[in-house]
Amino acid sequence: SPPYSPTHGRHCNYFRKSPTLDLPGEIE
């Protein structure tokens, strides 16, 4: 609630861990 709706900007996007190695392990 509310359901997925591309019209209203509620897309189902898929993700994975980034293969980039130099990203920080902690952030402020």
mmCIF file of all heavy atoms, coordinates in Angstrom:
data_MODEL
# 
_entry.id   MODEL 
# 
loop_
_atom_site.group_PDB 
_atom_site.id 
_atom_site.type_symbol 
_atom_site.label_atom_id 
_atom_site.label_alt_id 
_atom_site.label_comp_id 
_atom_site.label_asym_id 
_atom_site.label_entity_id 
_atom_site.label_seq_id 
_atom_site.pdbx_PDB_ins_code 
_atom_site.Cartn_x 
_atom_site.Cartn_y 
_atom_site.Cartn_z 
_atom_site.occupancy 
_atom_site.B_iso_or_equiv 
_atom_site.pdbx_formal_charge 
_atom_site.auth_seq_id 
_atom_site.auth_comp_id 
_atom_site.auth_asym_id 
_atom_site.auth_atom_id 
_atom_site.pdbx_PDB_model_num 
ATOM 1   N N   . SER A 1 1  ? 0.837  -1.202 0.000   1.00 0.00 ? 1  SER A N   1 
ATOM 2   C CA  . SER A 1 1  ? 0.000  0.000  0.000   1.00 0.00 ? 1  SER A CA  1 
ATOM 3   C C   . SER A 1 1  ? 0.871  1.251  0.000   1.00 0.00 ? 1  SER A C   1 
ATOM 4   O O   . SER A 1 1  ? 1.652  1.458  0.928   1.00 0.00 ? 1  SER A O   1 
ATOM 5   C CB  . SER A 1 1  ? -0.918 0.012  1.222   1.00 0.00 ? 1  SER A CB  1 
ATOM 6   O OG  . SER A 1 1  ? -1.722 1.171  1.227   1.00 0.00 ? 1  SER A OG  1 
ATOM 7   N N   . PRO A 1 2  ? 0.722  2.083  -1.039  1.00 0.00 ? 2  PRO A N   1 
ATOM 8   C CA  . PRO A 1 2  ? 0.008  1.805  -2.291  1.00 0.00 ? 2  PRO A CA  1 
ATOM 9   C C   . PRO A 1 2  ? 0.796  0.800  -3.117  1.00 0.00 ? 2  PRO A C   1 
ATOM 10  O O   . PRO A 1 2  ? 1.968  0.541  -2.824  1.00 0.00 ? 2  PRO A O   1 
ATOM 11  C CB  . PRO A 1 2  ? -0.054 3.177  -2.970  1.00 0.00 ? 2  PRO A CB  1 
ATOM 12  C CG  . PRO A 1 2  ? 1.140  3.914  -2.429  1.00 0.00 ? 2  PRO A CG  1 
ATOM 13  C CD  . PRO A 1 2  ? 1.328  3.435  -1.019  1.00 0.00 ? 2  PRO A CD  1 
ATOM 14  N N   . PRO A 1 3  ? 0.203  0.234  -4.176  1.00 0.00 ? 3  PRO A N   1 
ATOM 15  C CA  . PRO A 1 3  ? 0.903  -0.771 -4.979  1.00 0.00 ? 3  PRO A CA  1 
ATOM 16  C C   . PRO A 1 3  ? 1.923  -0.144 -5.924  1.00 0.00 ? 3  PRO A C   1 
ATOM 17  O O   . PRO A 1 3  ? 1.989  1.078  -6.057  1.00 0.00 ? 3  PRO A O   1 
ATOM 18  C CB  . PRO A 1 3  ? -0.237 -1.441 -5.753  1.00 0.00 ? 3  PRO A CB  1 
ATOM 19  C CG  . PRO A 1 3  ? -1.274 -0.378 -5.886  1.00 0.00 ? 3  PRO A CG  1 
ATOM 20  C CD  . PRO A 1 3  ? -1.189 0.445  -4.624  1.00 0.00 ? 3  PRO A CD  1 
ATOM 21  N N   . TYR A 1 4  ? 2.708  -1.005 -6.561  1.00 0.00 ? 4  TYR A N   1 
ATOM 22  C CA  . TYR A 1 4  ? 3.601  -0.512 -7.606  1.00 0.00 ? 4  TYR A CA  1 
ATOM 23  C C   . TYR A 1 4  ? 2.788  0.231  -8.663  1.00 0.00 ? 4  TYR A C   1 
ATOM 24  O O   . TYR A 1 4  ? 1.676  -0.169 -9.008  1.00 0.00 ? 4  TYR A O   1 
ATOM 25  C CB  . TYR A 1 4  ? 4.333  -1.670 -8.288  1.00 0.00 ? 4  TYR A CB  1 
ATOM 26  C CG  . TYR A 1 4  ? 5.438  -2.281 -7.462  1.00 0.00 ? 4  TYR A CG  1 
ATOM 27  C CD1 . TYR A 1 4  ? 5.335  -3.590 -6.987  1.00 0.00 ? 4  TYR A CD1 1 
ATOM 28  C CD2 . TYR A 1 4  ? 6.594  -1.563 -7.159  1.00 0.00 ? 4  TYR A CD2 1 
ATOM 29  C CE1 . TYR A 1 4  ? 6.349  -4.164 -6.230  1.00 0.00 ? 4  TYR A CE1 1 
ATOM 30  C CE2 . TYR A 1 4  ? 7.613  -2.134 -6.401  1.00 0.00 ? 4  TYR A CE2 1 
ATOM 31  C CZ  . TYR A 1 4  ? 7.483  -3.437 -5.942  1.00 0.00 ? 4  TYR A CZ  1 
ATOM 32  O OH  . TYR A 1 4  ? 8.492  -3.992 -5.197  1.00 0.00 ? 4  TYR A OH  1 
ATOM 33  N N   . SER A 1 5  ? 3.351  1.330  -9.170  1.00 0.00 ? 5  SER A N   1 
ATOM 34  C CA  . SER A 1 5  ? 2.681  2.103  -10.209 1.00 0.00 ? 5  SER A CA  1 
ATOM 35  C C   . SER A 1 5  ? 3.715  2.963  -10.930 1.00 0.00 ? 5  SER A C   1 
ATOM 36  O O   . SER A 1 5  ? 4.123  4.005  -10.391 1.00 0.00 ? 5  SER A O   1 
ATOM 37  C CB  . SER A 1 5  ? 1.584  2.999  -9.614  1.00 0.00 ? 5  SER A CB  1 
ATOM 38  O OG  . SER A 1 5  ? 1.084  3.902  -10.585 1.00 0.00 ? 5  SER A OG  1 
ATOM 39  N N   . PRO A 1 6  ? 4.169  2.554  -12.114 1.00 0.00 ? 6  PRO A N   1 
ATOM 40  C CA  . PRO A 1 6  ? 5.125  3.382  -12.860 1.00 0.00 ? 6  PRO A CA  1 
ATOM 41  C C   . PRO A 1 6  ? 4.594  4.791  -13.103 1.00 0.00 ? 6  PRO A C   1 
ATOM 42  O O   . PRO A 1 6  ? 5.366  5.755  -13.106 1.00 0.00 ? 6  PRO A O   1 
ATOM 43  C CB  . PRO A 1 6  ? 5.288  2.606  -14.178 1.00 0.00 ? 6  PRO A CB  1 
ATOM 44  C CG  . PRO A 1 6  ? 4.970  1.187  -13.826 1.00 0.00 ? 6  PRO A CG  1 
ATOM 45  C CD  . PRO A 1 6  ? 3.890  1.267  -12.781 1.00 0.00 ? 6  PRO A CD  1 
ATOM 46  N N   . THR A 1 7  ? 3.271  4.920  -13.275 1.00 0.00 ? 7  THR A N   1 
ATOM 47  C CA  . THR A 1 7  ? 2.658  6.231  -13.511 1.00 0.00 ? 7  THR A CA  1 
ATOM 48  C C   . THR A 1 7  ? 2.933  7.185  -12.358 1.00 0.00 ? 7  THR A C   1 
ATOM 49  O O   . THR A 1 7  ? 3.104  8.392  -12.543 1.00 0.00 ? 7  THR A O   1 
ATOM 50  C CB  . THR A 1 7  ? 1.134  6.092  -13.707 1.00 0.00 ? 7  THR A CB  1 
ATOM 51  O OG1 . THR A 1 7  ? 0.879  5.136  -14.736 1.00 0.00 ? 7  THR A OG1 1 
ATOM 52  C CG2 . THR A 1 7  ? 0.494  7.419  -14.053 1.00 0.00 ? 7  THR A CG2 1 
ATOM 53  N N   . HIS A 1 8  ? 2.976  6.630  -11.133 1.00 0.00 ? 8  HIS A N   1 
ATOM 54  C CA  . HIS A 1 8  ? 3.197  7.454  -9.938  1.00 0.00 ? 8  HIS A CA  1 
ATOM 55  C C   . HIS A 1 8  ? 4.634  7.331  -9.420  1.00 0.00 ? 8  HIS A C   1 
ATOM 56  O O   . HIS A 1 8  ? 4.912  7.677  -8.270  1.00 0.00 ? 8  HIS A O   1 
ATOM 57  C CB  . HIS A 1 8  ? 2.208  7.036  -8.846  1.00 0.00 ? 8  HIS A CB  1 
ATOM 58  C CG  . HIS A 1 8  ? 0.775  7.295  -9.205  1.00 0.00 ? 8  HIS A CG  1 
ATOM 59  N ND1 . HIS A 1 8  ? -0.030 6.337  -9.799  1.00 0.00 ? 8  HIS A ND1 1 
ATOM 60  C CD2 . HIS A 1 8  ? 0.011  8.410  -9.077  1.00 0.00 ? 8  HIS A CD2 1 
ATOM 61  C CE1 . HIS A 1 8  ? -1.234 6.843  -10.016 1.00 0.00 ? 8  HIS A CE1 1 
ATOM 62  N NE2 . HIS A 1 8  ? -1.232 8.104  -9.592  1.00 0.00 ? 8  HIS A NE2 1 
ATOM 63  N N   . GLY A 1 9  ? 5.528  6.820  -10.267 1.00 0.00 ? 9  GLY A N   1 
ATOM 64  C CA  . GLY A 1 9  ? 6.940  6.755  -9.880  1.00 0.00 ? 9  GLY A CA  1 
ATOM 65  C C   . GLY A 1 9  ? 7.297  5.610  -8.968  1.00 0.00 ? 9  GLY A C   1 
ATOM 66  O O   . GLY A 1 9  ? 8.394  5.595  -8.390  1.00 0.00 ? 9  GLY A O   1 
ATOM 67  N N   . ARG A 1 10 ? 6.409  4.633  -8.823  1.00 0.00 ? 10 ARG A N   1 
ATOM 68  C CA  . ARG A 1 10 ? 6.694  3.490  -7.952  1.00 0.00 ? 10 ARG A CA  1 
ATOM 69  C C   . ARG A 1 10 ? 7.072  2.286  -8.822  1.00 0.00 ? 10 ARG A C   1 
ATOM 70  O O   . ARG A 1 10 ? 6.281  1.371  -9.045  1.00 0.00 ? 10 ARG A O   1 
ATOM 71  C CB  . ARG A 1 10 ? 5.494  3.186  -7.046  1.00 0.00 ? 10 ARG A CB  1 
ATOM 72  C CG  . ARG A 1 10 ? 5.173  4.301  -6.066  1.00 0.00 ? 10 ARG A CG  1 
ATOM 73  C CD  . ARG A 1 10 ? 4.168  3.882  -5.019  1.00 0.00 ? 10 ARG A CD  1 
ATOM 74  N NE  . ARG A 1 10 ? 2.878  3.533  -5.577  1.00 0.00 ? 10 ARG A NE  1 
ATOM 75  C CZ  . ARG A 1 10 ? 1.879  4.388  -5.817  1.00 0.00 ? 10 ARG A CZ  1 
ATOM 76  N NH1 . ARG A 1 10 ? 2.034  5.677  -5.536  1.00 0.00 ? 10 ARG A NH1 1 
ATOM 77  N NH2 . ARG A 1 10 ? 0.730  3.985  -6.321  1.00 0.00 ? 10 ARG A NH2 1 
ATOM 78  N N   . HIS A 1 11 ? 8.294  2.315  -9.320  1.00 0.00 ? 11 HIS A N   1 
ATOM 79  C CA  . HIS A 1 11 ? 8.815  1.222  -10.139 1.00 0.00 ? 11 HIS A CA  1 
ATOM 80  C C   . HIS A 1 11 ? 9.426  0.165  -9.222  1.00 0.00 ? 11 HIS A C   1 
ATOM 81  O O   . HIS A 1 11 ? 9.939  0.480  -8.160  1.00 0.00 ? 11 HIS A O   1 
ATOM 82  C CB  . HIS A 1 11 ? 9.906  1.725  -11.084 1.00 0.00 ? 11 HIS A CB  1 
ATOM 83  C CG  . HIS A 1 11 ? 9.450  2.801  -12.020 1.00 0.00 ? 11 HIS A CG  1 
ATOM 84  N ND1 . HIS A 1 11 ? 8.981  2.527  -13.288 1.00 0.00 ? 11 HIS A ND1 1 
ATOM 85  C CD2 . HIS A 1 11 ? 9.413  4.148  -11.883 1.00 0.00 ? 11 HIS A CD2 1 
ATOM 86  C CE1 . HIS A 1 11 ? 8.665  3.660  -13.896 1.00 0.00 ? 11 HIS A CE1 1 
ATOM 87  N NE2 . HIS A 1 11 ? 8.915  4.663  -13.057 1.00 0.00 ? 11 HIS A NE2 1 
ATOM 88  N N   . CYS A 1 12 ? 9.425  -1.077 -9.684  1.00 0.00 ? 12 CYS A N   1 
ATOM 89  C CA  . CYS A 1 12 ? 10.169 -2.132 -8.999  1.00 0.00 ? 12 CYS A CA  1 
ATOM 90  C C   . CYS A 1 12 ? 11.557 -2.187 -9.616  1.00 0.00 ? 12 CYS A C   1 
ATOM 91  O O   . CYS A 1 12 ? 11.717 -2.587 -10.773 1.00 0.00 ? 12 CYS A O   1 
ATOM 92  C CB  . CYS A 1 12 ? 9.458  -3.480 -9.150  1.00 0.00 ? 12 CYS A CB  1 
ATOM 93  S SG  . CYS A 1 12 ? 10.314 -4.822 -8.285  1.00 0.00 ? 12 CYS A SG  1 
ATOM 94  N N   . ASN A 1 13 ? 12.550 -1.747 -8.860  1.00 0.00 ? 13 ASN A N   1 
ATOM 95  C CA  . ASN A 1 13 ? 13.934 -1.757 -9.328  1.00 0.00 ? 13 ASN A CA  1 
ATOM 96  C C   . ASN A 1 13 ? 14.706 -2.863 -8.618  1.00 0.00 ? 13 ASN A C   1 
ATOM 97  O O   . ASN A 1 13 ? 14.473 -3.136 -7.433  1.00 0.00 ? 13 ASN A O   1 
ATOM 98  C CB  . ASN A 1 13 ? 14.600 -0.404 -9.037  1.00 0.00 ? 13 ASN A CB  1 
ATOM 99  C CG  . ASN A 1 13 ? 13.884 0.735  -9.738  1.00 0.00 ? 13 ASN A CG  1 
ATOM 100 O OD1 . ASN A 1 13 ? 13.613 0.676  -10.927 1.00 0.00 ? 13 ASN A OD1 1 
ATOM 101 N ND2 . ASN A 1 13 ? 13.551 1.776  -8.980  1.00 0.00 ? 13 ASN A ND2 1 
ATOM 102 N N   . TYR A 1 14 ? 15.640 -3.477 -9.353  1.00 0.00 ? 14 TYR A N   1 
ATOM 103 C CA  . TYR A 1 14 ? 16.446 -4.557 -8.795  1.00 0.00 ? 14 TYR A CA  1 
ATOM 104 C C   . TYR A 1 14 ? 17.864 -4.068 -8.534  1.00 0.00 ? 14 TYR A C   1 
ATOM 105 O O   . TYR A 1 14 ? 18.391 -3.199 -9.239  1.00 0.00 ? 14 TYR A O   1 
ATOM 106 C CB  . TYR A 1 14 ? 16.468 -5.749 -9.753  1.00 0.00 ? 14 TYR A CB  1 
ATOM 107 C CG  . TYR A 1 14 ? 15.117 -6.429 -9.852  1.00 0.00 ? 14 TYR A CG  1 
ATOM 108 C CD1 . TYR A 1 14 ? 14.189 -6.045 -10.810 1.00 0.00 ? 14 TYR A CD1 1 
ATOM 109 C CD2 . TYR A 1 14 ? 14.769 -7.444 -8.969  1.00 0.00 ? 14 TYR A CD2 1 
ATOM 110 C CE1 . TYR A 1 14 ? 12.948 -6.658 -10.892 1.00 0.00 ? 14 TYR A CE1 1 
ATOM 111 C CE2 . TYR A 1 14 ? 13.535 -8.065 -9.041  1.00 0.00 ? 14 TYR A CE2 1 
ATOM 112 C CZ  . TYR A 1 14 ? 12.626 -7.672 -10.006 1.00 0.00 ? 14 TYR A CZ  1 
ATOM 113 O OH  . TYR A 1 14 ? 11.389 -8.269 -10.074 1.00 0.00 ? 14 TYR A OH  1 
ATOM 114 N N   . PHE A 1 15 ? 18.493 -4.647 -7.510  1.00 0.00 ? 15 PHE A N   1 
ATOM 115 C CA  . PHE A 1 15 ? 19.802 -4.186 -7.070  1.00 0.00 ? 15 PHE A CA  1 
ATOM 116 C C   . PHE A 1 15 ? 20.737 -5.362 -6.812  1.00 0.00 ? 15 PHE A C   1 
ATOM 117 O O   . PHE A 1 15 ? 20.298 -6.488 -6.597  1.00 0.00 ? 15 PHE A O   1 
ATOM 118 C CB  . PHE A 1 15 ? 19.668 -3.347 -5.783  1.00 0.00 ? 15 PHE A CB  1 
ATOM 119 C CG  . PHE A 1 15 ? 18.823 -2.122 -5.950  1.00 0.00 ? 15 PHE A CG  1 
ATOM 120 C CD1 . PHE A 1 15 ? 17.448 -2.173 -5.728  1.00 0.00 ? 15 PHE A CD1 1 
ATOM 121 C CD2 . PHE A 1 15 ? 19.388 -0.924 -6.357  1.00 0.00 ? 15 PHE A CD2 1 
ATOM 122 C CE1 . PHE A 1 15 ? 16.655 -1.045 -5.911  1.00 0.00 ? 15 PHE A CE1 1 
ATOM 123 C CE2 . PHE A 1 15 ? 18.600 0.208  -6.534  1.00 0.00 ? 15 PHE A CE2 1 
ATOM 124 C CZ  . PHE A 1 15 ? 17.237 0.146  -6.309  1.00 0.00 ? 15 PHE A CZ  1 
ATOM 125 N N   . ARG A 1 16 ? 22.034 -5.044 -6.819  1.00 0.00 ? 16 ARG A N   1 
ATOM 126 C CA  . ARG A 1 16 ? 23.075 -6.005 -6.456  1.00 0.00 ? 16 ARG A CA  1 
ATOM 127 C C   . ARG A 1 16 ? 24.201 -5.242 -5.769  1.00 0.00 ? 16 ARG A C   1 
ATOM 128 O O   . ARG A 1 16 ? 24.276 -4.013 -5.865  1.00 0.00 ? 16 ARG A O   1 
ATOM 129 C CB  . ARG A 1 16 ? 23.608 -6.722 -7.695  1.00 0.00 ? 16 ARG A CB  1 
ATOM 130 C CG  . ARG A 1 16 ? 24.326 -5.785 -8.673  1.00 0.00 ? 16 ARG A CG  1 
ATOM 131 C CD  . ARG A 1 16 ? 24.766 -6.521 -9.918  1.00 0.00 ? 16 ARG A CD  1 
ATOM 132 N NE  . ARG A 1 16 ? 25.344 -5.573 -10.886 1.00 0.00 ? 16 ARG A NE  1 
ATOM 133 C CZ  . ARG A 1 16 ? 25.649 -5.896 -12.135 1.00 0.00 ? 16 ARG A CZ  1 
ATOM 134 N NH1 . ARG A 1 16 ? 25.415 -7.112 -12.583 1.00 0.00 ? 16 ARG A NH1 1 
ATOM 135 N NH2 . ARG A 1 16 ? 26.174 -4.984 -12.950 1.00 0.00 ? 16 ARG A NH2 1 
ATOM 136 N N   . LYS A 1 17 ? 25.071 -5.986 -5.098  1.00 0.00 ? 17 LYS A N   1 
ATOM 137 C CA  . LYS A 1 17 ? 26.235 -5.342 -4.496  1.00 0.00 ? 17 LYS A CA  1 
ATOM 138 C C   . LYS A 1 17 ? 27.133 -4.800 -5.593  1.00 0.00 ? 17 LYS A C   1 
ATOM 139 O O   . LYS A 1 17 ? 27.384 -5.473 -6.591  1.00 0.00 ? 17 LYS A O   1 
ATOM 140 C CB  . LYS A 1 17 ? 27.014 -6.343 -3.639  1.00 0.00 ? 17 LYS A CB  1 
ATOM 141 C CG  . LYS A 1 17 ? 26.352 -6.660 -2.310  1.00 0.00 ? 17 LYS A CG  1 
ATOM 142 C CD  . LYS A 1 17 ? 27.272 -7.519 -1.460  1.00 0.00 ? 17 LYS A CD  1 
ATOM 143 C CE  . LYS A 1 17 ? 26.633 -7.828 -0.114  1.00 0.00 ? 17 LYS A CE  1 
ATOM 144 N NZ  . LYS A 1 17 ? 27.518 -8.659 0.747   1.00 0.00 ? 17 LYS A NZ  1 
ATOM 145 N N   . SER A 1 18 ? 27.618 -3.591 -5.403  1.00 0.00 ? 18 SER A N   1 
ATOM 146 C CA  . SER A 1 18 ? 28.496 -2.976 -6.398  1.00 0.00 ? 18 SER A CA  1 
ATOM 147 C C   . SER A 1 18 ? 29.834 -3.705 -6.423  1.00 0.00 ? 18 SER A C   1 
ATOM 148 O O   . SER A 1 18 ? 30.419 -3.988 -5.371  1.00 0.00 ? 18 SER A O   1 
ATOM 149 C CB  . SER A 1 18 ? 28.713 -1.503 -6.074  1.00 0.00 ? 18 SER A CB  1 
ATOM 150 O OG  . SER A 1 18 ? 29.692 -0.958 -6.937  1.00 0.00 ? 18 SER A OG  1 
ATOM 151 N N   . PRO A 1 19 ? 30.349 -4.009 -7.623  1.00 0.00 ? 19 PRO A N   1 
ATOM 152 C CA  . PRO A 1 19 ? 31.665 -4.662 -7.711  1.00 0.00 ? 19 PRO A CA  1 
ATOM 153 C C   . PRO A 1 19 ? 32.833 -3.689 -7.500  1.00 0.00 ? 19 PRO A C   1 
ATOM 154 O O   . PRO A 1 19 ? 33.981 -4.118 -7.394  1.00 0.00 ? 19 PRO A O   1 
ATOM 155 C CB  . PRO A 1 19 ? 31.671 -5.224 -9.136  1.00 0.00 ? 19 PRO A CB  1 
ATOM 156 C CG  . PRO A 1 19 ? 30.773 -4.307 -9.904  1.00 0.00 ? 19 PRO A CG  1 
ATOM 157 C CD  . PRO A 1 19 ? 29.710 -3.846 -8.943  1.00 0.00 ? 19 PRO A CD  1 
ATOM 158 N N   . THR A 1 20 ? 32.535 -2.389 -7.431  1.00 0.00 ? 20 THR A N   1 
ATOM 159 C CA  . THR A 1 20 ? 33.601 -1.391 -7.224  1.00 0.00 ? 20 THR A CA  1 
ATOM 160 C C   . THR A 1 20 ? 34.263 -1.612 -5.872  1.00 0.00 ? 20 THR A C   1 
ATOM 161 O O   . THR A 1 20 ? 33.583 -1.727 -4.842  1.00 0.00 ? 20 THR A O   1 
ATOM 162 C CB  . THR A 1 20 ? 33.021 0.037  -7.295  1.00 0.00 ? 20 THR A CB  1 
ATOM 163 O OG1 . THR A 1 20 ? 32.323 0.195  -8.534  1.00 0.00 ? 20 THR A OG1 1 
ATOM 164 C CG2 . THR A 1 20 ? 34.118 1.072  -7.181  1.00 0.00 ? 20 THR A CG2 1 
ATOM 165 N N   . LEU A 1 21 ? 35.587 -1.669 -5.853  1.00 0.00 ? 21 LEU A N   1 
ATOM 166 C CA  . LEU A 1 21 ? 36.306 -2.073 -4.642  1.00 0.00 ? 21 LEU A CA  1 
ATOM 167 C C   . LEU A 1 21 ? 36.662 -0.916 -3.722  1.00 0.00 ? 21 LEU A C   1 
ATOM 168 O O   . LEU A 1 21 ? 36.939 -1.126 -2.544  1.00 0.00 ? 21 LEU A O   1 
ATOM 169 C CB  . LEU A 1 21 ? 37.596 -2.816 -5.050  1.00 0.00 ? 21 LEU A CB  1 
ATOM 170 C CG  . LEU A 1 21 ? 37.387 -4.117 -5.838  1.00 0.00 ? 21 LEU A CG  1 
ATOM 171 C CD1 . LEU A 1 21 ? 38.736 -4.706 -6.240  1.00 0.00 ? 21 LEU A CD1 1 
ATOM 172 C CD2 . LEU A 1 21 ? 36.584 -5.121 -5.024  1.00 0.00 ? 21 LEU A CD2 1 
ATOM 173 N N   . ASP A 1 22 ? 36.715 0.330  -4.235  1.00 0.00 ? 22 ASP A N   1 
ATOM 174 C CA  . ASP A 1 22 ? 37.258 1.440  -3.438  1.00 0.00 ? 22 ASP A CA  1 
ATOM 175 C C   . ASP A 1 22 ? 36.163 2.269  -2.762  1.00 0.00 ? 22 ASP A C   1 
ATOM 176 O O   . ASP A 1 22 ? 36.381 3.424  -2.400  1.00 0.00 ? 22 ASP A O   1 
ATOM 177 C CB  . ASP A 1 22 ? 38.148 2.338  -4.295  1.00 0.00 ? 22 ASP A CB  1 
ATOM 178 C CG  . ASP A 1 22 ? 37.399 2.919  -5.500  1.00 0.00 ? 22 ASP A CG  1 
ATOM 179 O OD1 . ASP A 1 22 ? 36.247 2.509  -5.726  1.00 0.00 ? 22 ASP A OD1 1 
ATOM 180 O OD2 . ASP A 1 22 ? 37.975 3.785  -6.190  1.00 0.00 ? 22 ASP A OD2 1 
ATOM 181 N N   . LEU A 1 23 ? 34.983 1.707  -2.569  1.00 0.00 ? 23 LEU A N   1 
ATOM 182 C CA  . LEU A 1 23 ? 33.904 2.435  -1.893  1.00 0.00 ? 23 LEU A CA  1 
ATOM 183 C C   . LEU A 1 23 ? 34.091 2.324  -0.381  1.00 0.00 ? 23 LEU A C   1 
ATOM 184 O O   . LEU A 1 23 ? 34.472 1.272  0.131   1.00 0.00 ? 23 LEU A O   1 
ATOM 185 C CB  . LEU A 1 23 ? 32.543 1.856  -2.307  1.00 0.00 ? 23 LEU A CB  1 
ATOM 186 C CG  . LEU A 1 23 ? 32.196 2.027  -3.791  1.00 0.00 ? 23 LEU A CG  1 
ATOM 187 C CD1 . LEU A 1 23 ? 30.969 1.207  -4.154  1.00 0.00 ? 23 LEU A CD1 1 
ATOM 188 C CD2 . LEU A 1 23 ? 31.962 3.497  -4.123  1.00 0.00 ? 23 LEU A CD2 1 
ATOM 189 N N   . PRO A 1 24 ? 33.816 3.392  0.369   1.00 0.00 ? 24 PRO A N   1 
ATOM 190 C CA  . PRO A 1 24 ? 34.074 3.377  1.812   1.00 0.00 ? 24 PRO A CA  1 
ATOM 191 C C   . PRO A 1 24 ? 33.164 2.415  2.565   1.00 0.00 ? 24 PRO A C   1 
ATOM 192 O O   . PRO A 1 24 ? 31.999 2.210  2.199   1.00 0.00 ? 24 PRO A O   1 
ATOM 193 C CB  . PRO A 1 24 ? 33.793 4.833  2.234   1.00 0.00 ? 24 PRO A CB  1 
ATOM 194 C CG  . PRO A 1 24 ? 32.887 5.373  1.172   1.00 0.00 ? 24 PRO A CG  1 
ATOM 195 C CD  . PRO A 1 24 ? 33.286 4.688  -0.098  1.00 0.00 ? 24 PRO A CD  1 
ATOM 196 N N   . GLY A 1 25 ? 33.717 1.830  3.637   1.00 0.00 ? 25 GLY A N   1 
ATOM 197 C CA  . GLY A 1 25 ? 32.941 0.895  4.460   1.00 0.00 ? 25 GLY A CA  1 
ATOM 198 C C   . GLY A 1 25 ? 32.112 1.591  5.510   1.00 0.00 ? 25 GLY A C   1 
ATOM 199 O O   . GLY A 1 25 ? 31.238 0.973  6.143   1.00 0.00 ? 25 GLY A O   1 
ATOM 200 N N   . GLU A 1 26 ? 32.384 2.881  5.738   1.00 0.00 ? 26 GLU A N   1 
ATOM 201 C CA  . GLU A 1 26 ? 31.550 3.659  6.659   1.00 0.00 ? 26 GLU A CA  1 
ATOM 202 C C   . GLU A 1 26 ? 31.395 5.069  6.115   1.00 0.00 ? 26 GLU A C   1 
ATOM 203 O O   . GLU A 1 26 ? 32.283 5.576  5.422   1.00 0.00 ? 26 GLU A O   1 
ATOM 204 C CB  . GLU A 1 26 ? 32.113 3.673  8.080   1.00 0.00 ? 26 GLU A CB  1 
ATOM 205 C CG  . GLU A 1 26 ? 33.460 4.342  8.244   1.00 0.00 ? 26 GLU A CG  1 
ATOM 206 C CD  . GLU A 1 26 ? 33.918 4.358  9.695   1.00 0.00 ? 26 GLU A CD  1 
ATOM 207 O OE1 . GLU A 1 26 ? 33.680 3.369  10.415  1.00 0.00 ? 26 GLU A OE1 1 
ATOM 208 O OE2 . GLU A 1 26 ? 34.518 5.371  10.105  1.00 0.00 ? 26 GLU A OE2 1 
ATOM 209 N N   . ILE A 1 27 ? 30.258 5.682  6.409   1.00 0.00 ? 27 ILE A N   1 
ATOM 210 C CA  . ILE A 1 27 ? 30.007 7.045  5.937   1.00 0.00 ? 27 ILE A CA  1 
ATOM 211 C C   . ILE A 1 27 ? 29.342 7.843  7.055   1.00 0.00 ? 27 ILE A C   1 
ATOM 212 O O   . ILE A 1 27 ? 28.709 7.282  7.957   1.00 0.00 ? 27 ILE A O   1 
ATOM 213 C CB  . ILE A 1 27 ? 29.115 7.078  4.672   1.00 0.00 ? 27 ILE A CB  1 
ATOM 214 C CG1 . ILE A 1 27 ? 27.753 6.449  4.960   1.00 0.00 ? 27 ILE A CG1 1 
ATOM 215 C CG2 . ILE A 1 27 ? 29.774 6.393  3.507   1.00 0.00 ? 27 ILE A CG2 1 
ATOM 216 C CD1 . ILE A 1 27 ? 26.766 6.669  3.820   1.00 0.00 ? 27 ILE A CD1 1 
ATOM 217 N N   . GLU A 1 28 ? 29.471 9.149  6.963   1.00 0.00 ? 28 GLU A N   1 
ATOM 218 C CA  . GLU A 1 28 ? 28.816 10.048 7.909   1.00 0.00 ? 28 GLU A CA  1 
ATOM 219 C C   . GLU A 1 28 ? 27.582 10.635 7.241   1.00 0.00 ? 28 GLU A C   1 
ATOM 220 O O   . GLU A 1 28 ? 27.647 11.129 6.116   1.00 0.00 ? 28 GLU A O   1 
ATOM 221 C CB  . GLU A 1 28 ? 29.763 11.166 8.324   1.00 0.00 ? 28 GLU A CB  1 
ATOM 222 C CG  . GLU A 1 28 ? 29.165 12.100 9.370   1.00 0.00 ? 28 GLU A CG  1 
ATOM 223 C CD  . GLU A 1 28 ? 30.160 13.148 9.858   1.00 0.00 ? 28 GLU A CD  1 
ATOM 224 O OE1 . GLU A 1 28 ? 31.372 12.951 9.657   1.00 0.00 ? 28 GLU A OE1 1 
ATOM 225 O OE2 . GLU A 1 28 ? 29.710 14.161 10.432  1.00 0.00 ? 28 GLU A OE2 1 
# 
